[in-house]
Amino acid sequence: MDRLTSMAVFIKAVDLGSFAAAADALDLSGPMVGKHVRFLEERLGVRLITRTTRRQSLTEFGRTYYERCLAVLAEADAADALAADQLSEPRGKLRVTMPVHFGRRCVAPVLLELAQRYPALELDLSFNDRFTDLAEDDYDLAIRTGSLEDKAGVIARRIARQSMIVCASPSYLDRRGQPRQIEDLSRHDAIIYRRSGSIRPWLFPRDDQPPAEVRPANRLRLDDLDAIADAAAAGMGLAWLPYWLVHERIQAGSLVQLLPNQPAFLYDAYALWLKTPHLPLKVRLAIDALAAALPKLMT
């Protein structure tokens, strides 16, 4: 007899509480249900179900084996679904939450291109810097940057590394001079990114040590990265920003990249999703597309 089929019959008999009910549900005879269960018991050498004329009950080992059978059949179904995915196209609604600027400038174009390629795919995109509970808010995917907290039941995959650079306008540098090393930053004005009331330090890698943290003097504190880049281009001070955000301004000459010999801190971006036996095709394709496209946008 086929072991997976016998496991499925055993599960149905446990779920429905009797061999007769399982037989009706599976369109089998009562003796055939019993035969499948006996096949498993004989193969294992252990009794799974104790039966009397009035009732049946799982043995202690039977309860453990039942849980394992559920997991085995779920994995088998997931494997079959993978094969089915290869023959189908992604369809239905894909709900994604992402940070405002990174999402709008980097993530959304990739997902929109995916939607153009697959007409049956729907997109429901949310641009929000707050952390979202995937299960509670019913999102398929969350894009987040920076360090992540360990959370049970959530899978994370790094999809990009953002190079963080210090920059300023030529007019500011003419007026205040150019910092040559990290220690010089404390003598300059800075435009700081502030979110949820907290001010994050500027980080600079060091060999075999935690990153150096710098909190330069500041009188401008903004929670919008584009506004920070605009203020820096207007000569208001130094800014620590992702290169992808300011590279066009640097090429145009409105901003200058500083500390060129200092390695850039890499700010990681992740895709997060709920752990599941079978990741839907639409989610898997979105993650793969982001992991392939985003690193090219970071340089």
C-alpha atoms as a PDB file:
ATOM      1  CA  MET A   1       0.000   0.000   0.000  1.00  0.00           C
ATOM      2  CA  ASP A   2       1.077   3.581  -0.537  1.00  0.00           C
ATOM      3  CA  ARG A   3       2.323   5.033   2.727  1.00  0.00           C
ATOM      4  CA  LEU A   4       1.192   8.629   2.052  1.00  0.00           C
ATOM      5  CA  THR A   5      -2.306   7.417   1.166  1.00  0.00           C
ATOM      6  CA  SER A   6      -2.456   5.370   4.353  1.00  0.00           C
ATOM      7  CA  MET A   7      -1.332   8.432   6.352  1.00  0.00           C
ATOM      8  CA  ALA A   8      -4.126  10.496   4.772  1.00  0.00           C
ATOM      9  CA  VAL A   9      -6.703   7.816   5.654  1.00  0.00           C
ATOM     10  CA  PHE A  10      -5.356   7.615   9.212  1.00  0.00           C
ATOM     11  CA  ILE A  11      -5.630  11.411   9.602  1.00  0.00           C
ATOM     12  CA  LYS A  12      -9.198  11.409   8.305  1.00  0.00           C
ATOM     13  CA  ALA A  13     -10.173   8.604  10.693  1.00  0.00           C
ATOM     14  CA  VAL A  14      -8.739  10.587  13.617  1.00  0.00           C
ATOM     15  CA  ASP A  15     -10.322  13.874  12.532  1.00  0.00           C
ATOM     16  CA  LEU A  16     -13.788  12.379  12.033  1.00  0.00           C
ATOM     17  CA  GLY A  17     -13.658  10.073  15.046  1.00  0.00           C
ATOM     18  CA  SER A  18     -14.499   6.761  13.380  1.00  0.00           C
ATOM     19  CA  PHE A  19     -13.522   4.449  10.555  1.00  0.00           C
ATOM     20  CA  ALA A  20     -17.086   4.566   9.209  1.00  0.00           C
ATOM     21  CA  ALA A  21     -17.098   8.372   8.944  1.00  0.00           C
ATOM     22  CA  ALA A  22     -13.690   8.342   7.278  1.00  0.00           C
ATOM     23  CA  ALA A  23     -14.917   5.707   4.826  1.00  0.00           C
ATOM     24  CA  ASP A  24     -17.891   7.875   3.857  1.00  0.00           C
ATOM     25  CA  ALA A  25     -15.745  10.979   3.458  1.00  0.00           C
ATOM     26  CA  LEU A  26     -13.118   9.205   1.346  1.00  0.00           C
ATOM     27  CA  ASP A  27     -15.549   7.012  -0.591  1.00  0.00           C
ATOM     28  CA  LEU A  28     -13.930   3.845   0.744  1.00  0.00           C
ATOM     29  CA  SER A  29     -15.322   0.804   2.495  1.00  0.00           C
ATOM     30  CA  GLY A  30     -15.005   0.569   6.272  1.00  0.00           C
ATOM     31  CA  PRO A  31     -12.737  -2.509   6.044  1.00  0.00           C
ATOM     32  CA  MET A  32     -10.440  -0.632   3.619  1.00  0.00           C
ATOM     33  CA  VAL A  33      -9.984   2.210   6.133  1.00  0.00           C
ATOM     34  CA  GLY A  34      -9.060  -0.360   8.752  1.00  0.00           C
ATOM     35  CA  LYS A  35      -6.657  -1.973   6.319  1.00  0.00           C
ATOM     36  CA  HIS A  36      -4.791   1.309   5.786  1.00  0.00           C
ATOM     37  CA  VAL A  37      -4.463   1.880   9.543  1.00  0.00           C
ATOM     38  CA  ARG A  38      -3.292  -1.705  10.133  1.00  0.00           C
ATOM     39  CA  PHE A  39      -0.742  -1.291   7.338  1.00  0.00           C
ATOM     40  CA  LEU A  40       0.799   1.631   9.219  1.00  0.00           C
ATOM     41  CA  GLU A  41       0.679  -0.165  12.572  1.00  0.00           C
ATOM     42  CA  GLU A  42       2.325  -3.272  11.161  1.00  0.00           C
ATOM     43  CA  ARG A  43       4.983  -1.218   9.417  1.00  0.00           C
ATOM     44  CA  LEU A  44       5.737   0.724  12.593  1.00  0.00           C
ATOM     45  CA  GLY A  45       5.275  -2.175  15.004  1.00  0.00           C
ATOM     46  CA  VAL A  46       3.225   0.108  17.275  1.00  0.00           C
ATOM     47  CA  ARG A  47      -0.541   0.464  17.830  1.00  0.00           C
ATOM     48  CA  LEU A  48      -1.911   3.840  16.727  1.00  0.00           C
ATOM     49  CA  ILE A  49      -5.608   3.593  17.560  1.00  0.00           C
ATOM     50  CA  THR A  50      -7.368   1.683  20.321  1.00  0.00           C
ATOM     51  CA  ARG A  51     -10.876   0.620  19.222  1.00  0.00           C
ATOM     52  CA  THR A  52     -13.823  -0.765  21.157  1.00  0.00           C
ATOM     53  CA  THR A  53     -17.376  -1.438  20.007  1.00  0.00           C
ATOM     54  CA  ARG A  54     -18.382   2.041  21.185  1.00  0.00           C
ATOM     55  CA  ARG A  55     -15.420   4.321  20.606  1.00  0.00           C
ATOM     56  CA  GLN A  56     -11.897   4.740  19.303  1.00  0.00           C
ATOM     57  CA  SER A  57      -9.014   6.663  20.838  1.00  0.00           C
ATOM     58  CA  LEU A  58      -5.457   7.452  19.875  1.00  0.00           C
ATOM     59  CA  THR A  59      -2.634   5.852  21.779  1.00  0.00           C
ATOM     60  CA  GLU A  60       0.057   8.151  23.168  1.00  0.00           C
ATOM     61  CA  PHE A  61       2.310   7.240  20.249  1.00  0.00           C
ATOM     62  CA  GLY A  62      -0.665   7.609  17.886  1.00  0.00           C
ATOM     63  CA  ARG A  63      -1.093  11.253  18.932  1.00  0.00           C
ATOM     64  CA  THR A  64       2.560  12.007  18.185  1.00  0.00           C
ATOM     65  CA  TYR A  65       2.438  10.105  14.900  1.00  0.00           C
ATOM     66  CA  TYR A  66      -0.744  11.964  13.892  1.00  0.00           C
ATOM     67  CA  GLU A  67       1.023  15.343  14.283  1.00  0.00           C
ATOM     68  CA  ARG A  68       3.968  14.136  12.218  1.00  0.00           C
ATOM     69  CA  CYS A  69       1.654  12.816   9.510  1.00  0.00           C
ATOM     70  CA  LEU A  70      -0.004  16.238   9.269  1.00  0.00           C
ATOM     71  CA  ALA A  71       3.403  17.841   8.713  1.00  0.00           C
ATOM     72  CA  VAL A  72       4.492  15.212   6.166  1.00  0.00           C
ATOM     73  CA  LEU A  73       1.335  15.561   4.076  1.00  0.00           C
ATOM     74  CA  ALA A  74       1.530  19.364   4.229  1.00  0.00           C
ATOM     75  CA  GLU A  75       5.081  19.217   2.858  1.00  0.00           C
ATOM     76  CA  ALA A  76       3.963  16.770   0.140  1.00  0.00           C
ATOM     77  CA  ASP A  77       1.144  19.112  -0.874  1.00  0.00           C
ATOM     78  CA  ALA A  78       3.588  22.023  -0.932  1.00  0.00           C
ATOM     79  CA  ALA A  79       5.944  20.068  -3.189  1.00  0.00           C
ATOM     80  CA  ASP A  80       3.086  19.283  -5.579  1.00  0.00           C
ATOM     81  CA  ALA A  81       2.057  22.953  -5.534  1.00  0.00           C
ATOM     82  CA  LEU A  82       5.582  23.975  -6.576  1.00  0.00           C
ATOM     83  CA  ALA A  83       5.258  21.842  -9.681  1.00  0.00           C
ATOM     84  CA  ALA A  84       1.863  23.385 -10.408  1.00  0.00           C
ATOM     85  CA  ASP A  85       3.393  26.854 -10.034  1.00  0.00           C
ATOM     86  CA  GLN A  86       5.841  26.131 -12.831  1.00  0.00           C
ATOM     87  CA  LEU A  87       2.917  25.681 -15.204  1.00  0.00           C
ATOM     88  CA  SER A  88       0.957  28.728 -14.097  1.00  0.00           C
ATOM     89  CA  GLU A  89       1.228  32.500 -13.850  1.00  0.00           C
ATOM     90  CA  PRO A  90       0.967  34.600 -10.678  1.00  0.00           C
ATOM     91  CA  ARG A  91      -2.526  35.885 -10.137  1.00  0.00           C
ATOM     92  CA  GLY A  92      -4.616  37.572  -7.521  1.00  0.00           C
ATOM     93  CA  LYS A  93      -3.832  40.387  -5.088  1.00  0.00           C
ATOM     94  CA  LEU A  94      -0.273  40.931  -3.821  1.00  0.00           C
ATOM     95  CA  ARG A  95      -0.277  43.196  -0.747  1.00  0.00           C
ATOM     96  CA  VAL A  96       3.087  44.800   0.056  1.00  0.00           C
ATOM     97  CA  THR A  97       4.045  47.389   2.676  1.00  0.00           C
ATOM     98  CA  MET A  98       7.288  49.352   2.299  1.00  0.00           C
ATOM     99  CA  PRO A  99       9.129  52.479   3.516  1.00  0.00           C
ATOM    100  CA  VAL A 100       8.007  55.657   1.784  1.00  0.00           C
ATOM    101  CA  HIS A 101      11.140  56.754  -0.100  1.00  0.00           C
ATOM    102  CA  PHE A 102      12.871  53.435  -0.651  1.00  0.00           C
ATOM    103  CA  GLY A 103       9.517  51.988  -1.643  1.00  0.00           C
ATOM    104  CA  ARG A 104       8.521  54.713  -4.075  1.00  0.00           C
ATOM    105  CA  ARG A 105      11.927  55.140  -5.715  1.00  0.00           C
ATOM    106  CA  CYS A 106      13.256  51.577  -5.700  1.00  0.00           C
ATOM    107  CA  VAL A 107      10.714  48.885  -4.802  1.00  0.00           C
ATOM    108  CA  ALA A 108       7.562  50.062  -6.567  1.00  0.00           C
ATOM    109  CA  PRO A 109       9.121  50.298 -10.068  1.00  0.00           C
ATOM    110  CA  VAL A 110      10.218  46.658  -9.822  1.00  0.00           C
ATOM    111  CA  LEU A 111       6.780  45.488  -8.711  1.00  0.00           C
ATOM    112  CA  LEU A 112       5.029  47.574 -11.358  1.00  0.00           C
ATOM    113  CA  GLU A 113       7.208  45.979 -14.027  1.00  0.00           C
ATOM    114  CA  LEU A 114       6.203  42.582 -12.630  1.00  0.00           C
ATOM    115  CA  ALA A 115       2.531  43.559 -12.887  1.00  0.00           C
ATOM    116  CA  GLN A 116       3.048  44.599 -16.508  1.00  0.00           C
ATOM    117  CA  ARG A 117       4.540  41.191 -17.256  1.00  0.00           C
ATOM    118  CA  TYR A 118       1.695  39.263 -15.565  1.00  0.00           C
ATOM    119  CA  PRO A 119      -1.756  40.762 -16.320  1.00  0.00           C
ATOM    120  CA  ALA A 120      -3.540  38.515 -13.787  1.00  0.00           C
ATOM    121  CA  LEU A 121      -1.448  39.938 -10.909  1.00  0.00           C
ATOM    122  CA  GLU A 122      -2.999  42.703  -8.803  1.00  0.00           C
ATOM    123  CA  LEU A 123      -0.923  45.063  -6.641  1.00  0.00           C
ATOM    124  CA  ASP A 124      -1.988  46.635  -3.353  1.00  0.00           C
ATOM    125  CA  LEU A 125       0.995  48.739  -2.214  1.00  0.00           C
ATOM    126  CA  SER A 126       1.271  50.687   1.042  1.00  0.00           C
ATOM    127  CA  PHE A 127       3.991  53.318   1.561  1.00  0.00           C
ATOM    128  CA  ASN A 128       4.526  53.702   5.281  1.00  0.00           C
ATOM    129  CA  ASP A 129       7.582  53.921   7.521  1.00  0.00           C
ATOM    130  CA  ARG A 130       5.902  52.297  10.510  1.00  0.00           C
ATOM    131  CA  PHE A 131       6.555  48.644  11.296  1.00  0.00           C
ATOM    132  CA  THR A 132       3.641  46.441  10.280  1.00  0.00           C
ATOM    133  CA  ASP A 133       2.371  43.162  11.679  1.00  0.00           C
ATOM    134  CA  LEU A 134       2.154  40.931   8.608  1.00  0.00           C
ATOM    135  CA  ALA A 135      -0.497  38.631  10.047  1.00  0.00           C
ATOM    136  CA  GLU A 136      -2.634  41.282  11.729  1.00  0.00           C
ATOM    137  CA  ASP A 137      -2.616  43.662   8.749  1.00  0.00           C
ATOM    138  CA  ASP A 138      -2.914  40.862   6.159  1.00  0.00           C
ATOM    139  CA  TYR A 139       0.140  41.740   4.065  1.00  0.00           C
ATOM    140  CA  ASP A 140       1.838  39.164   1.835  1.00  0.00           C
ATOM    141  CA  LEU A 141       5.191  40.924   2.012  1.00  0.00           C
ATOM    142  CA  ALA A 142       6.905  43.690   3.979  1.00  0.00           C
ATOM    143  CA  ILE A 143      10.007  45.579   2.858  1.00  0.00           C
ATOM    144  CA  ARG A 144      12.091  46.972   5.712  1.00  0.00           C
ATOM    145  CA  THR A 145      15.499  48.608   6.063  1.00  0.00           C
ATOM    146  CA  GLY A 146      18.027  48.533   8.893  1.00  0.00           C
ATOM    147  CA  SER A 147      18.366  45.977  11.666  1.00  0.00           C
ATOM    148  CA  LEU A 148      15.519  43.543  12.293  1.00  0.00           C
ATOM    149  CA  GLU A 149      14.184  42.035  15.477  1.00  0.00           C
ATOM    150  CA  ASP A 150      13.850  38.259  15.595  1.00  0.00           C
ATOM    151  CA  LYS A 151      10.198  37.358  15.308  1.00  0.00           C
ATOM    152  CA  ALA A 152       8.757  33.864  15.422  1.00  0.00           C
ATOM    153  CA  GLY A 153       7.031  32.741  12.254  1.00  0.00           C
ATOM    154  CA  VAL A 154       8.568  35.466  10.049  1.00  0.00           C
ATOM    155  CA  ILE A 155      11.139  34.793   7.320  1.00  0.00           C
ATOM    156  CA  ALA A 156      13.555  37.530   6.172  1.00  0.00           C
ATOM    157  CA  ARG A 157      15.684  37.701   3.025  1.00  0.00           C
ATOM    158  CA  ARG A 158      18.146  40.485   2.313  1.00  0.00           C
ATOM    159  CA  ILE A 159      17.351  42.039  -1.055  1.00  0.00           C
ATOM    160  CA  ALA A 160      19.686  45.057  -1.164  1.00  0.00           C
ATOM    161  CA  ARG A 161      22.489  46.913   0.639  1.00  0.00           C
ATOM    162  CA  GLN A 162      22.294  50.708   0.594  1.00  0.00           C
ATOM    163  CA  SER A 163      25.588  52.621   0.680  1.00  0.00           C
ATOM    164  CA  MET A 164      25.279  55.530   3.107  1.00  0.00           C
ATOM    165  CA  ILE A 165      27.408  58.572   2.240  1.00  0.00           C
ATOM    166  CA  VAL A 166      28.083  62.042   3.650  1.00  0.00           C
ATOM    167  CA  CYS A 167      27.442  64.858   1.198  1.00  0.00           C
ATOM    168  CA  ALA A 168      27.141  68.646   1.066  1.00  0.00           C
ATOM    169  CA  SER A 169      26.708  71.418  -1.483  1.00  0.00           C
ATOM    170  CA  PRO A 170      29.673  73.244  -3.067  1.00  0.00           C
ATOM    171  CA  SER A 171      28.431  76.523  -1.533  1.00  0.00           C
ATOM    172  CA  TYR A 172      28.486  75.044   1.983  1.00  0.00           C
ATOM    173  CA  LEU A 173      31.987  73.627   1.460  1.00  0.00           C
ATOM    174  CA  ASP A 174      33.250  76.970   0.133  1.00  0.00           C
ATOM    175  CA  ARG A 175      31.922  78.632   3.268  1.00  0.00           C
ATOM    176  CA  ARG A 176      32.836  76.053   5.930  1.00  0.00           C
ATOM    177  CA  GLY A 177      35.589  73.931   4.409  1.00  0.00           C
ATOM    178  CA  GLN A 178      35.589  70.226   3.618  1.00  0.00           C
ATOM    179  CA  PRO A 179      35.831  67.517   6.312  1.00  0.00           C
ATOM    180  CA  ARG A 180      38.721  65.144   5.609  1.00  0.00           C
ATOM    181  CA  GLN A 181      38.077  62.524   8.284  1.00  0.00           C
ATOM    182  CA  ILE A 182      35.285  61.370  10.580  1.00  0.00           C
ATOM    183  CA  GLU A 183      36.573  63.471  13.495  1.00  0.00           C
ATOM    184  CA  ASP A 184      36.059  66.645  11.416  1.00  0.00           C
ATOM    185  CA  LEU A 185      32.281  66.116  11.249  1.00  0.00           C
ATOM    186  CA  SER A 186      31.756  67.467  14.757  1.00  0.00           C
ATOM    187  CA  ARG A 187      32.857  70.924  13.558  1.00  0.00           C
ATOM    188  CA  HIS A 188      30.129  71.110  10.919  1.00  0.00           C
ATOM    189  CA  ASP A 189      26.397  71.730  10.762  1.00  0.00           C
ATOM    190  CA  ALA A 190      24.316  68.696   9.904  1.00  0.00           C
ATOM    191  CA  ILE A 191      20.819  67.970   8.651  1.00  0.00           C
ATOM    192  CA  ILE A 192      19.519  64.997  10.606  1.00  0.00           C
ATOM    193  CA  TYR A 193      16.902  62.373   9.822  1.00  0.00           C
ATOM    194  CA  ARG A 194      14.517  61.923  12.715  1.00  0.00           C
ATOM    195  CA  ARG A 195      11.732  59.340  12.819  1.00  0.00           C
ATOM    196  CA  SER A 196       9.289  58.645  15.651  1.00  0.00           C
ATOM    197  CA  GLY A 197      11.051  61.176  17.836  1.00  0.00           C
ATOM    198  CA  SER A 198      14.442  59.409  17.812  1.00  0.00           C
ATOM    199  CA  ILE A 199      17.631  60.716  16.221  1.00  0.00           C
ATOM    200  CA  ARG A 200      19.843  58.012  14.768  1.00  0.00           C
ATOM    201  CA  PRO A 201      23.632  58.372  14.707  1.00  0.00           C
ATOM    202  CA  TRP A 202      25.656  58.364  11.505  1.00  0.00           C
ATOM    203  CA  LEU A 203      27.512  55.063  11.237  1.00  0.00           C
ATOM    204  CA  PHE A 204      30.949  54.344   9.779  1.00  0.00           C
ATOM    205  CA  PRO A 205      32.489  50.853   9.471  1.00  0.00           C
ATOM    206  CA  ARG A 206      35.646  49.951  11.408  1.00  0.00           C
ATOM    207  CA  ASP A 207      37.774  46.832  11.004  1.00  0.00           C
ATOM    208  CA  ASP A 208      36.779  44.087  13.440  1.00  0.00           C
ATOM    209  CA  GLN A 209      34.868  46.561  15.608  1.00  0.00           C
ATOM    210  CA  PRO A 210      31.326  47.879  15.847  1.00  0.00           C
ATOM    211  CA  PRO A 211      30.663  50.862  13.549  1.00  0.00           C
ATOM    212  CA  ALA A 212      31.767  54.278  14.773  1.00  0.00           C
ATOM    213  CA  GLU A 213      28.773  56.406  15.797  1.00  0.00           C
ATOM    214  CA  VAL A 214      28.748  60.121  15.063  1.00  0.00           C
ATOM    215  CA  ARG A 215      26.098  62.555  16.259  1.00  0.00           C
ATOM    216  CA  PRO A 216      27.016  65.860  14.610  1.00  0.00           C
ATOM    217  CA  ALA A 217      25.646  69.182  15.788  1.00  0.00           C
ATOM    218  CA  ASN A 218      22.313  69.935  14.181  1.00  0.00           C
ATOM    219  CA  ARG A 219      19.544  72.470  14.143  1.00  0.00           C
ATOM    220  CA  LEU A 220      17.634  70.930  11.231  1.00  0.00           C
ATOM    221  CA  ARG A 221      15.863  67.649  11.985  1.00  0.00           C
ATOM    222  CA  LEU A 222      13.576  66.282   9.274  1.00  0.00           C
ATOM    223  CA  ASP A 223      11.678  63.042   8.776  1.00  0.00           C
ATOM    224  CA  ASP A 224      11.775  63.173   4.956  1.00  0.00           C
ATOM    225  CA  LEU A 225      14.881  62.026   3.077  1.00  0.00           C
ATOM    226  CA  ASP A 226      14.143  64.056  -0.061  1.00  0.00           C
ATOM    227  CA  ALA A 227      13.717  67.177   2.068  1.00  0.00           C
ATOM    228  CA  ILE A 228      17.098  66.490   3.702  1.00  0.00           C
ATOM    229  CA  ALA A 229      18.733  66.166   0.267  1.00  0.00           C
ATOM    230  CA  ASP A 230      17.082  69.435  -0.820  1.00  0.00           C
ATOM    231  CA  ALA A 231      18.299  71.239   2.310  1.00  0.00           C
ATOM    232  CA  ALA A 232      21.828  69.931   1.784  1.00  0.00           C
ATOM    233  CA  ALA A 233      21.786  71.078  -1.861  1.00  0.00           C
ATOM    234  CA  ALA A 234      20.648  74.500  -0.626  1.00  0.00           C
ATOM    235  CA  GLY A 235      23.817  74.801   1.486  1.00  0.00           C
ATOM    236  CA  MET A 236      22.276  74.180   4.910  1.00  0.00           C
ATOM    237  CA  GLY A 237      24.785  71.564   6.084  1.00  0.00           C
ATOM    238  CA  LEU A 238      26.100  68.046   5.761  1.00  0.00           C
ATOM    239  CA  ALA A 239      23.754  65.101   5.173  1.00  0.00           C
ATOM    240  CA  TRP A 240      24.155  61.306   5.600  1.00  0.00           C
ATOM    241  CA  LEU A 241      22.011  59.722   2.931  1.00  0.00           C
ATOM    242  CA  PRO A 242      21.751  56.595   0.767  1.00  0.00           C
ATOM    243  CA  TYR A 243      23.724  56.940  -2.442  1.00  0.00           C
ATOM    244  CA  TRP A 244      20.772  55.890  -4.626  1.00  0.00           C
ATOM    245  CA  LEU A 245      18.862  58.937  -3.382  1.00  0.00           C
ATOM    246  CA  VAL A 246      21.533  61.552  -4.180  1.00  0.00           C
ATOM    247  CA  HIS A 247      23.631  60.130  -7.028  1.00  0.00           C
ATOM    248  CA  GLU A 248      21.825  62.267  -9.638  1.00  0.00           C
ATOM    249  CA  ARG A 249      22.477  65.410  -7.582  1.00  0.00           C
ATOM    250  CA  ILE A 250      26.127  64.387  -7.250  1.00  0.00           C
ATOM    251  CA  GLN A 251      26.409  63.858 -11.014  1.00  0.00           C
ATOM    252  CA  ALA A 252      24.754  67.237 -11.601  1.00  0.00           C
ATOM    253  CA  GLY A 253      27.156  68.954  -9.180  1.00  0.00           C
ATOM    254  CA  SER A 254      24.572  70.226  -6.700  1.00  0.00           C
ATOM    255  CA  LEU A 255      26.022  67.880  -4.054  1.00  0.00           C
ATOM    256  CA  VAL A 256      29.537  66.602  -3.395  1.00  0.00           C
ATOM    257  CA  GLN A 257      30.320  63.216  -1.873  1.00  0.00           C
ATOM    258  CA  LEU A 258      32.632  63.617   1.122  1.00  0.00           C
ATOM    259  CA  LEU A 259      35.103  61.300   2.869  1.00  0.00           C
ATOM    260  CA  PRO A 260      35.740  59.280  -0.314  1.00  0.00           C
ATOM    261  CA  ASN A 261      38.387  57.113   1.404  1.00  0.00           C
ATOM    262  CA  GLN A 262      36.016  56.139   4.211  1.00  0.00           C
ATOM    263  CA  PRO A 263      34.143  52.841   3.546  1.00  0.00           C
ATOM    264  CA  ALA A 264      30.415  53.390   3.305  1.00  0.00           C
ATOM    265  CA  PHE A 265      28.112  51.921   5.898  1.00  0.00           C
ATOM    266  CA  LEU A 266      25.798  49.382   4.247  1.00  0.00           C
ATOM    267  CA  TYR A 267      22.188  49.778   5.317  1.00  0.00           C
ATOM    268  CA  ASP A 268      20.441  46.506   4.569  1.00  0.00           C
ATOM    269  CA  ALA A 269      16.985  46.132   3.052  1.00  0.00           C
ATOM    270  CA  TYR A 270      14.925  42.981   3.637  1.00  0.00           C
ATOM    271  CA  ALA A 271      11.816  41.279   2.342  1.00  0.00           C
ATOM    272  CA  LEU A 272       9.787  39.694   5.150  1.00  0.00           C
ATOM    273  CA  TRP A 273       6.941  37.201   4.912  1.00  0.00           C
ATOM    274  CA  LEU A 274       5.107  34.771   7.156  1.00  0.00           C
ATOM    275  CA  LYS A 275       6.512  31.266   7.346  1.00  0.00           C
ATOM    276  CA  THR A 276       4.332  28.873   5.363  1.00  0.00           C
ATOM    277  CA  PRO A 277       4.711  25.337   3.956  1.00  0.00           C
ATOM    278  CA  HIS A 278       4.152  26.708   0.459  1.00  0.00           C
ATOM    279  CA  LEU A 279       5.088  30.244  -0.538  1.00  0.00           C
ATOM    280  CA  PRO A 280       2.573  31.467  -3.148  1.00  0.00           C
ATOM    281  CA  LEU A 281       3.984  31.973  -6.618  1.00  0.00           C
ATOM    282  CA  LYS A 282       3.103  35.695  -6.658  1.00  0.00           C
ATOM    283  CA  VAL A 283       5.105  36.281  -3.443  1.00  0.00           C
ATOM    284  CA  ARG A 284       8.076  34.175  -4.528  1.00  0.00           C
ATOM    285  CA  LEU A 285       8.332  35.930  -7.906  1.00  0.00           C
ATOM    286  CA  ALA A 286       8.130  39.358  -6.237  1.00  0.00           C
ATOM    287  CA  ILE A 287      10.934  38.518  -3.792  1.00  0.00           C
ATOM    288  CA  ASP A 288      13.144  37.114  -6.556  1.00  0.00           C
ATOM    289  CA  ALA A 289      12.514  40.134  -8.786  1.00  0.00           C
ATOM    290  CA  LEU A 290      13.448  42.559  -6.006  1.00  0.00           C
ATOM    291  CA  ALA A 291      16.584  40.592  -5.064  1.00  0.00           C
ATOM    292  CA  ALA A 292      17.699  40.650  -8.718  1.00  0.00           C
ATOM    293  CA  ALA A 293      16.899  44.290  -9.536  1.00  0.00           C
ATOM    294  CA  LEU A 294      17.554  46.318  -6.380  1.00  0.00           C
ATOM    295  CA  PRO A 295      21.336  45.771  -6.020  1.00  0.00           C
ATOM    296  CA  LYS A 296      21.798  47.365  -9.474  1.00  0.00           C
ATOM    297  CA  LEU A 297      19.970  50.477  -8.271  1.00  0.00           C
ATOM    298  CA  MET A 298      22.178  50.868  -5.194  1.00  0.00           C
ATOM    299  CA  THR A 299      25.410  51.721  -7.063  1.00  0.00           C
END
